[in-house]
PDB file of N, CA and C in Angstrom:
ATOM      1  N   UNK A   1      35.133  -9.341  -2.956  1.00  0.00           N
ATOM      2  CA  UNK A   1      34.499  -9.317  -1.661  1.00  0.00           C
ATOM      3  C   UNK A   1      33.465  -8.191  -1.577  1.00  0.00           C
ATOM      4  N   UNK A   2      33.856  -6.979  -1.918  1.00  0.00           N
ATOM      5  CA  UNK A   2      32.925  -5.849  -1.863  1.00  0.00           C
ATOM      6  C   UNK A   2      31.828  -6.016  -2.907  1.00  0.00           C
ATOM      7  N   UNK A   3      32.157  -6.596  -4.047  1.00  0.00           N
ATOM      8  CA  UNK A   3      31.165  -6.804  -5.098  1.00  0.00           C
ATOM      9  C   UNK A   3      30.025  -7.699  -4.652  1.00  0.00           C
ATOM     10  N   UNK A   4      30.316  -8.760  -3.950  1.00  0.00           N
ATOM     11  CA  UNK A   4      29.255  -9.658  -3.497  1.00  0.00           C
ATOM     12  C   UNK A   4      28.436  -9.014  -2.384  1.00  0.00           C
ATOM     13  N   UNK A   5      29.075  -8.234  -1.535  1.00  0.00           N
ATOM     14  CA  UNK A   5      28.344  -7.526  -0.480  1.00  0.00           C
ATOM     15  C   UNK A   5      27.444  -6.454  -1.096  1.00  0.00           C
ATOM     16  N   UNK A   6      27.951  -5.764  -2.107  1.00  0.00           N
ATOM     17  CA  UNK A   6      27.137  -4.759  -2.792  1.00  0.00           C
ATOM     18  C   UNK A   6      25.950  -5.377  -3.495  1.00  0.00           C
ATOM     19  N   UNK A   7      26.175  -6.542  -4.097  1.00  0.00           N
ATOM     20  CA  UNK A   7      25.068  -7.246  -4.742  1.00  0.00           C
ATOM     21  C   UNK A   7      24.007  -7.665  -3.743  1.00  0.00           C
ATOM     22  N   UNK A   8      24.446  -8.070  -2.568  1.00  0.00           N
ATOM     23  CA  UNK A   8      23.499  -8.465  -1.522  1.00  0.00           C
ATOM     24  C   UNK A   8      22.678  -7.272  -1.052  1.00  0.00           C
ATOM     25  N   UNK A   9      23.322  -6.128  -0.946  1.00  0.00           N
ATOM     26  CA  UNK A   9      22.619  -4.915  -0.527  1.00  0.00           C
ATOM     27  C   UNK A   9      21.582  -4.518  -1.576  1.00  0.00           C
ATOM     28  N   UNK A  10      21.979  -4.560  -2.834  1.00  0.00           N
ATOM     29  CA  UNK A  10      21.049  -4.215  -3.916  1.00  0.00           C
ATOM     30  C   UNK A  10      19.874  -5.187  -3.953  1.00  0.00           C
ATOM     31  N   UNK A  11      20.138  -6.471  -3.828  1.00  0.00           N
ATOM     32  CA  UNK A  11      19.070  -7.480  -3.838  1.00  0.00           C
ATOM     33  C   UNK A  11      18.119  -7.280  -2.658  1.00  0.00           C
ATOM     34  N   UNK A  12      18.671  -6.962  -1.514  1.00  0.00           N
ATOM     35  CA  UNK A  12      17.833  -6.722  -0.336  1.00  0.00           C
ATOM     36  C   UNK A  12      16.951  -5.497  -0.538  1.00  0.00           C
ATOM     37  N   UNK A  13      17.509  -4.444  -1.097  1.00  0.00           N
ATOM     38  CA  UNK A  13      16.710  -3.247  -1.359  1.00  0.00           C
ATOM     39  C   UNK A  13      15.630  -3.506  -2.404  1.00  0.00           C
ATOM     40  N   UNK A  14      15.981  -4.247  -3.452  1.00  0.00           N
ATOM     41  CA  UNK A  14      14.998  -4.545  -4.502  1.00  0.00           C
ATOM     42  C   UNK A  14      13.830  -5.359  -3.967  1.00  0.00           C
ATOM     43  N   UNK A  15      14.084  -6.220  -3.015  1.00  0.00           N
ATOM     44  CA  UNK A  15      13.008  -7.018  -2.430  1.00  0.00           C
ATOM     45  C   UNK A  15      12.372  -6.309  -1.240  1.00  0.00           C
ATOM     46  N   UNK A  16      13.164  -5.564  -0.490  1.00  0.00           N
ATOM     47  CA  UNK A  16      12.681  -4.958   0.742  1.00  0.00           C
ATOM     48  C   UNK A  16      11.798  -3.744   0.563  1.00  0.00           C
ATOM     49  N   UNK A  17      12.118  -2.905  -0.399  1.00  0.00           N
ATOM     50  CA  UNK A  17      11.334  -1.678  -0.591  1.00  0.00           C
ATOM     51  C   UNK A  17       9.887  -1.984  -1.004  1.00  0.00           C
ATOM     52  N   UNK A  18       9.649  -2.829  -2.011  1.00  0.00           N
ATOM     53  CA  UNK A  18       8.260  -3.151  -2.339  1.00  0.00           C
ATOM     54  C   UNK A  18       7.525  -3.851  -1.195  1.00  0.00           C
ATOM     55  N   UNK A  19       8.231  -4.709  -0.472  1.00  0.00           N
ATOM     56  CA  UNK A  19       7.605  -5.381   0.664  1.00  0.00           C
ATOM     57  C   UNK A  19       7.245  -4.381   1.754  1.00  0.00           C
ATOM     58  N   UNK A  20       8.137  -3.453   2.048  1.00  0.00           N
ATOM     59  CA  UNK A  20       7.859  -2.436   3.065  1.00  0.00           C
ATOM     60  C   UNK A  20       6.684  -1.553   2.657  1.00  0.00           C
ATOM     61  N   UNK A  21       6.619  -1.148   1.395  1.00  0.00           N
ATOM     62  CA  UNK A  21       5.482  -0.345   0.917  1.00  0.00           C
ATOM     63  C   UNK A  21       4.180  -1.125   1.021  1.00  0.00           C
ATOM     64  N   UNK A  22       4.226  -2.408   0.681  1.00  0.00           N
ATOM     65  CA  UNK A  22       3.025  -3.240   0.759  1.00  0.00           C
ATOM     66  C   UNK A  22       2.558  -3.409   2.198  1.00  0.00           C
ATOM     67  N   UNK A  23       3.480  -3.616   3.118  1.00  0.00           N
ATOM     68  CA  UNK A  23       3.114  -3.754   4.527  1.00  0.00           C
ATOM     69  C   UNK A  23       2.533  -2.446   5.045  1.00  0.00           C
ATOM     70  N   UNK A  24       3.157  -1.322   4.686  1.00  0.00           N
ATOM     71  CA  UNK A  24       2.639  -0.016   5.095  1.00  0.00           C
ATOM     72  C   UNK A  24       1.215   0.190   4.555  1.00  0.00           C
ATOM     73  N   UNK A  25       1.012  -0.087   3.282  1.00  0.00           N
ATOM     74  CA  UNK A  25      -0.315   0.077   2.679  1.00  0.00           C
ATOM     75  C   UNK A  25      -1.327  -0.847   3.337  1.00  0.00           C
ATOM     76  N   UNK A  26      -0.939  -2.080   3.591  1.00  0.00           N
ATOM     77  CA  UNK A  26      -1.851  -3.047   4.203  1.00  0.00           C
ATOM     78  C   UNK A  26      -2.246  -2.619   5.612  1.00  0.00           C
ATOM     79  N   UNK A  27      -1.286  -2.227   6.420  1.00  0.00           N
ATOM     80  CA  UNK A  27      -1.595  -1.795   7.781  1.00  0.00           C
ATOM     81  C   UNK A  27      -2.428  -0.517   7.802  1.00  0.00           C
ATOM     82  N   UNK A  28      -2.139   0.388   6.877  1.00  0.00           N
ATOM     83  CA  UNK A  28      -2.920   1.622   6.804  1.00  0.00           C
ATOM     84  C   UNK A  28      -4.367   1.321   6.407  1.00  0.00           C
ATOM     85  N   UNK A  29      -4.541   0.487   5.394  1.00  0.00           N
ATOM     86  CA  UNK A  29      -5.894   0.145   4.932  1.00  0.00           C
ATOM     87  C   UNK A  29      -6.686  -0.577   6.021  1.00  0.00           C
ATOM     88  N   UNK A  30      -6.044  -1.470   6.730  1.00  0.00           N
ATOM     89  CA  UNK A  30      -6.729  -2.221   7.785  1.00  0.00           C
ATOM     90  C   UNK A  30      -7.066  -1.335   8.981  1.00  0.00           C
ATOM     91  N   UNK A  31      -6.274  -0.307   9.202  1.00  0.00           N
ATOM     92  CA  UNK A  31      -6.487   0.552  10.358  1.00  0.00           C
ATOM     93  C   UNK A  31      -7.510   1.649  10.177  1.00  0.00           C
ATOM     94  N   UNK A  32      -7.902   1.912   8.957  1.00  0.00           N
ATOM     95  CA  UNK A  32      -8.898   2.962   8.706  1.00  0.00           C
ATOM     96  C   UNK A  32     -10.291   2.436   9.024  1.00  0.00           C
ATOM     97  N   UNK A  33     -11.156   3.248   9.629  1.00  0.00           N
ATOM     98  CA  UNK A  33     -12.503   2.775   9.978  1.00  0.00           C
ATOM     99  C   UNK A  33     -13.356   2.520   8.733  1.00  0.00           C
ATOM    100  N   UNK A  34     -14.236   1.547   8.867  1.00  0.00           N
ATOM    101  CA  UNK A  34     -15.094   1.154   7.740  1.00  0.00           C
ATOM    102  C   UNK A  34     -15.987   2.307   7.283  1.00  0.00           C
ATOM    103  N   UNK A  35     -16.442   3.127   8.213  1.00  0.00           N
ATOM    104  CA  UNK A  35     -17.320   4.231   7.830  1.00  0.00           C
ATOM    105  C   UNK A  35     -16.601   5.241   6.938  1.00  0.00           C
ATOM    106  N   UNK A  36     -15.308   5.428   7.147  1.00  0.00           N
ATOM    107  CA  UNK A  36     -14.547   6.354   6.296  1.00  0.00           C
ATOM    108  C   UNK A  36     -14.439   5.801   4.885  1.00  0.00           C
ATOM    109  N   UNK A  37     -14.256   4.488   4.776  1.00  0.00           N
ATOM    110  CA  UNK A  37     -14.219   3.851   3.454  1.00  0.00           C
ATOM    111  C   UNK A  37     -15.557   4.035   2.742  1.00  0.00           C
ATOM    112  N   UNK A  38     -16.647   3.836   3.485  1.00  0.00           N
ATOM    113  CA  UNK A  38     -17.974   3.990   2.887  1.00  0.00           C
ATOM    114  C   UNK A  38     -18.212   5.430   2.444  1.00  0.00           C
ATOM    115  N   UNK A  39     -17.830   6.393   3.268  1.00  0.00           N
ATOM    116  CA  UNK A  39     -18.001   7.800   2.891  1.00  0.00           C
ATOM    117  C   UNK A  39     -17.184   8.163   1.656  1.00  0.00           C
ATOM    118  N   UNK A  40     -16.022   7.545   1.509  1.00  0.00           N
ATOM    119  CA  UNK A  40     -15.164   7.829   0.350  1.00  0.00           C
ATOM    120  C   UNK A  40     -15.600   7.042  -0.881  1.00  0.00           C
ATOM    121  N   UNK A  41     -16.561   6.138  -0.717  1.00  0.00           N
ATOM    122  CA  UNK A  41     -17.034   5.353  -1.860  1.00  0.00           C
ATOM    123  C   UNK A  41     -16.044   4.282  -2.299  1.00  0.00           C
ATOM    124  N   UNK A  42     -15.253   3.795  -1.372  1.00  0.00           N
ATOM    125  CA  UNK A  42     -14.254   2.759  -1.663  1.00  0.00           C
ATOM    126  C   UNK A  42     -14.573   1.508  -0.866  1.00  0.00           C
ATOM    127  N   UNK A  43     -14.014   0.371  -1.302  1.00  0.00           N
ATOM    128  CA  UNK A  43     -14.223  -0.899  -0.617  1.00  0.00           C
ATOM    129  C   UNK A  43     -12.911  -1.381  -0.006  1.00  0.00           C
ATOM    130  N   UNK A  44     -12.895  -1.420   1.316  1.00  0.00           N
ATOM    131  CA  UNK A  44     -11.683  -1.818   2.018  1.00  0.00           C
ATOM    132  C   UNK A  44     -11.285  -3.252   1.683  1.00  0.00           C
ATOM    133  N   UNK A  45     -12.244  -4.167   1.638  1.00  0.00           N
ATOM    134  CA  UNK A  45     -11.930  -5.575   1.375  1.00  0.00           C
ATOM    135  C   UNK A  45     -11.230  -5.731   0.028  1.00  0.00           C
ATOM    136  N   UNK A  46     -11.686  -5.006  -0.978  1.00  0.00           N
ATOM    137  CA  UNK A  46     -11.070  -5.101  -2.300  1.00  0.00           C
ATOM    138  C   UNK A  46      -9.631  -4.611  -2.272  1.00  0.00           C
ATOM    139  N   UNK A  47      -9.374  -3.505  -1.590  1.00  0.00           N
ATOM    140  CA  UNK A  47      -8.016  -2.963  -1.546  1.00  0.00           C
ATOM    141  C   UNK A  47      -7.077  -3.836  -0.726  1.00  0.00           C
ATOM    142  N   UNK A  48      -7.572  -4.366   0.393  1.00  0.00           N
ATOM    143  CA  UNK A  48      -6.732  -5.266   1.190  1.00  0.00           C
ATOM    144  C   UNK A  48      -6.402  -6.521   0.396  1.00  0.00           C
ATOM    145  N   UNK A  49      -7.397  -7.075  -0.301  1.00  0.00           N
ATOM    146  CA  UNK A  49      -7.145  -8.264  -1.128  1.00  0.00           C
ATOM    147  C   UNK A  49      -6.155  -7.960  -2.243  1.00  0.00           C
ATOM    148  N   UNK A  50      -6.280  -6.802  -2.868  1.00  0.00           N
ATOM    149  CA  UNK A  50      -5.362  -6.431  -3.946  1.00  0.00           C
ATOM    150  C   UNK A  50      -3.941  -6.266  -3.420  1.00  0.00           C
ATOM    151  N   UNK A  51      -3.801  -5.650  -2.262  1.00  0.00           N
ATOM    152  CA  UNK A  51      -2.467  -5.472  -1.678  1.00  0.00           C
ATOM    153  C   UNK A  51      -1.870  -6.821  -1.306  1.00  0.00           C
ATOM    154  N   UNK A  52      -2.675  -7.690  -0.691  1.00  0.00           N
ATOM    155  CA  UNK A  52      -2.179  -9.020  -0.322  1.00  0.00           C
ATOM    156  C   UNK A  52      -1.780  -9.826  -1.551  1.00  0.00           C
ATOM    157  N   UNK A  53      -2.575  -9.763  -2.605  1.00  0.00           N
ATOM    158  CA  UNK A  53      -2.219 -10.451  -3.849  1.00  0.00           C
ATOM    159  C   UNK A  53      -0.942  -9.858  -4.436  1.00  0.00           C
ATOM    160  N   UNK A  54      -0.818  -8.544  -4.359  1.00  0.00           N
ATOM    161  CA  UNK A  54       0.349  -7.867  -4.906  1.00  0.00           C
ATOM    162  C   UNK A  54       1.636  -8.235  -4.197  1.00  0.00           C
ATOM    163  N   UNK A  55       1.558  -8.615  -2.936  1.00  0.00           N
ATOM    164  CA  UNK A  55       2.756  -9.014  -2.197  1.00  0.00           C
ATOM    165  C   UNK A  55       3.408 -10.226  -2.860  1.00  0.00           C
ATOM    166  N   UNK A  56       2.616 -11.038  -3.537  1.00  0.00           N
ATOM    167  CA  UNK A  56       3.145 -12.240  -4.184  1.00  0.00           C
ATOM    168  C   UNK A  56       4.014 -11.926  -5.390  1.00  0.00           C
ATOM    169  N   UNK A  57       3.846 -10.748  -5.957  1.00  0.00           N
ATOM    170  CA  UNK A  57       4.648 -10.353  -7.115  1.00  0.00           C
ATOM    171  C   UNK A  57       5.317  -9.013  -6.817  1.00  0.00           C
ATOM    172  N   UNK A  58       6.449  -8.818  -7.372  1.00  0.00           N
ATOM    173  CA  UNK A  58       7.220  -7.611  -7.081  1.00  0.00           C
ATOM    174  C   UNK A  58       6.613  -6.369  -7.732  1.00  0.00           C
ATOM    175  N   UNK A  59       6.397  -6.419  -9.022  1.00  0.00           N
ATOM    176  CA  UNK A  59       5.940  -5.236  -9.764  1.00  0.00           C
ATOM    177  C   UNK A  59       4.490  -4.905  -9.439  1.00  0.00           C
ATOM    178  N   UNK A  60       3.615  -5.907  -9.453  1.00  0.00           N
ATOM    179  CA  UNK A  60       2.195  -5.660  -9.172  1.00  0.00           C
ATOM    180  C   UNK A  60       2.024  -5.144  -7.749  1.00  0.00           C
ATOM    181  N   UNK A  61       2.742  -5.734  -6.806  1.00  0.00           N
ATOM    182  CA  UNK A  61       2.657  -5.276  -5.422  1.00  0.00           C
ATOM    183  C   UNK A  61       3.091  -3.844  -5.257  1.00  0.00           C
ATOM    184  N   UNK A  62       4.145  -3.482  -5.938  1.00  0.00           N
ATOM    185  CA  UNK A  62       4.638  -2.111  -5.878  1.00  0.00           C
ATOM    186  C   UNK A  62       3.614  -1.148  -6.462  1.00  0.00           C
ATOM    187  N   UNK A  63       3.055  -1.487  -7.608  1.00  0.00           N
ATOM    188  CA  UNK A  63       2.071  -0.614  -8.265  1.00  0.00           C
ATOM    189  C   UNK A  63       0.813  -0.465  -7.417  1.00  0.00           C
ATOM    190  N   UNK A  64       0.265  -1.582  -6.934  1.00  0.00           N
ATOM    191  CA  UNK A  64      -0.966  -1.530  -6.138  1.00  0.00           C
ATOM    192  C   UNK A  64      -0.742  -0.726  -4.860  1.00  0.00           C
ATOM    193  N   UNK A  65       0.369  -0.949  -4.202  1.00  0.00           N
ATOM    194  CA  UNK A  65       0.643  -0.235  -2.956  1.00  0.00           C
ATOM    195  C   UNK A  65       0.829   1.258  -3.189  1.00  0.00           C
ATOM    196  N   UNK A  66       1.535   1.616  -4.243  1.00  0.00           N
ATOM    197  CA  UNK A  66       1.739   3.040  -4.543  1.00  0.00           C
ATOM    198  C   UNK A  66       0.419   3.704  -4.915  1.00  0.00           C
ATOM    199  N   UNK A  67      -0.408   3.027  -5.709  1.00  0.00           N
ATOM    200  CA  UNK A  67      -1.718   3.589  -6.065  1.00  0.00           C
ATOM    201  C   UNK A  67      -2.555   3.801  -4.805  1.00  0.00           C
ATOM    202  N   UNK A  68      -2.553   2.818  -3.921  1.00  0.00           N
ATOM    203  CA  UNK A  68      -3.301   2.976  -2.670  1.00  0.00           C
ATOM    204  C   UNK A  68      -2.776   4.167  -1.863  1.00  0.00           C
ATOM    205  N   UNK A  69      -1.466   4.220  -1.665  1.00  0.00           N
ATOM    206  CA  UNK A  69      -0.887   5.252  -0.808  1.00  0.00           C
ATOM    207  C   UNK A  69      -1.004   6.664  -1.395  1.00  0.00           C
ATOM    208  N   UNK A  70      -0.971   6.774  -2.720  1.00  0.00           N
ATOM    209  CA  UNK A  70      -0.984   8.094  -3.354  1.00  0.00           C
ATOM    210  C   UNK A  70      -2.395   8.575  -3.676  1.00  0.00           C
ATOM    211  N   UNK A  71      -3.284   7.667  -4.085  1.00  0.00           N
ATOM    212  CA  UNK A  71      -4.611   8.100  -4.538  1.00  0.00           C
ATOM    213  C   UNK A  71      -5.727   7.779  -3.557  1.00  0.00           C
ATOM    214  N   UNK A  72      -5.747   6.566  -3.030  1.00  0.00           N
ATOM    215  CA  UNK A  72      -6.878   6.131  -2.207  1.00  0.00           C
ATOM    216  C   UNK A  72      -6.736   6.601  -0.765  1.00  0.00           C
ATOM    217  N   UNK A  73      -5.559   6.458  -0.202  1.00  0.00           N
ATOM    218  CA  UNK A  73      -5.332   6.834   1.198  1.00  0.00           C
ATOM    219  C   UNK A  73      -5.734   8.276   1.491  1.00  0.00           C
ATOM    220  N   UNK A  74      -5.369   9.249   0.641  1.00  0.00           N
ATOM    221  CA  UNK A  74      -5.808  10.629   0.919  1.00  0.00           C
ATOM    222  C   UNK A  74      -7.335  10.790   0.908  1.00  0.00           C
ATOM    223  N   UNK A  75      -8.029  10.038   0.069  1.00  0.00           N
ATOM    224  CA  UNK A  75      -9.495  10.114   0.042  1.00  0.00           C
ATOM    225  C   UNK A  75     -10.094   9.589   1.344  1.00  0.00           C
ATOM    226  N   UNK A  76      -9.550   8.476   1.828  1.00  0.00           N
ATOM    227  CA  UNK A  76     -10.060   7.887   3.068  1.00  0.00           C
ATOM    228  C   UNK A  76      -9.742   8.805   4.244  1.00  0.00           C
ATOM    229  N   UNK A  77      -8.543   9.362   4.264  1.00  0.00           N
ATOM    230  CA  UNK A  77      -8.157  10.285   5.339  1.00  0.00           C
ATOM    231  C   UNK A  77      -9.040  11.531   5.324  1.00  0.00           C
ATOM    232  N   UNK A  78      -9.361  12.022   4.152  1.00  0.00           N
ATOM    233  CA  UNK A  78     -10.244  13.193   4.047  1.00  0.00           C
ATOM    234  C   UNK A  78     -11.638  12.863   4.565  1.00  0.00           C
ATOM    235  N   UNK A  79     -12.128  11.678   4.246  1.00  0.00           N
ATOM    236  CA  UNK A  79     -13.441  11.265   4.738  1.00  0.00           C
ATOM    237  C   UNK A  79     -13.434  11.151   6.261  1.00  0.00           C
ATOM    238  N   UNK A  80     -12.337  10.680   6.822  1.00  0.00           N
ATOM    239  CA  UNK A  80     -12.214  10.595   8.287  1.00  0.00           C
ATOM    240  C   UNK A  80     -12.275  11.974   8.930  1.00  0.00           C
ATOM    241  N   UNK A  81     -11.787  12.973   8.233  1.00  0.00           N
ATOM    242  CA  UNK A  81     -11.783  14.333   8.761  1.00  0.00           C
ATOM    243  C   UNK A  81     -13.050  15.096   8.426  1.00  0.00           C
ATOM    244  N   UNK A  82     -13.996  14.426   7.763  1.00  0.00           N
ATOM    245  CA  UNK A  82     -15.269  15.050   7.462  1.00  0.00           C
ATOM    246  C   UNK A  82     -15.327  15.744   6.120  1.00  0.00           C
ATOM    247  N   UNK A  83     -14.278  15.649   5.342  1.00  0.00           N
ATOM    248  CA  UNK A  83     -14.268  16.258   4.009  1.00  0.00           C
ATOM    249  C   UNK A  83     -14.690  15.200   3.005  1.00  0.00           C
ATOM    250  N   UNK A  84     -15.960  15.235   2.628  1.00  0.00           N
ATOM    251  CA  UNK A  84     -16.511  14.224   1.732  1.00  0.00           C
ATOM    252  C   UNK A  84     -16.828  14.887   0.393  1.00  0.00           C
ATOM    253  N   UNK A  85     -16.620  14.146  -0.680  1.00  0.00           N
ATOM    254  CA  UNK A  85     -16.885  14.652  -2.017  1.00  0.00           C
ATOM    255  C   UNK A  85     -15.602  14.743  -2.797  1.00  0.00           C
ATOM    256  N   UNK A  86     -15.741  14.822  -4.095  1.00  0.00           N
ATOM    257  CA  UNK A  86     -14.542  14.840  -4.946  1.00  0.00           C
ATOM    258  C   UNK A  86     -14.325  16.210  -5.514  1.00  0.00           C
TER     259      UNK A  86
END
C-alpha cells in the first residue's frame, strides 16, 4: 500500500517539477517588456517557442527552462533596471 503511494508521489514529482519550471519560465518570459529583450540582445519569441517546445519533452523542457531562468532571465532583468552590457 505505501509502496504504490510512494511511487505515485515520485511520479508526480518527476513530471511536476519540470512542468512547474517550464510554466514559471514561460510566464516570466512573456511578462518581460519587449524593450528589455531588445536591450539585452535576446529574442523573446525564440525563447518562448523553445520553452513551449520543451514542455513536450521532459529532459529538453527542463534544460531549456533552467537555461532561461539561470542565464537569460538575469540579463533581461538587468536591462529592465538600466544595466546594459555584458
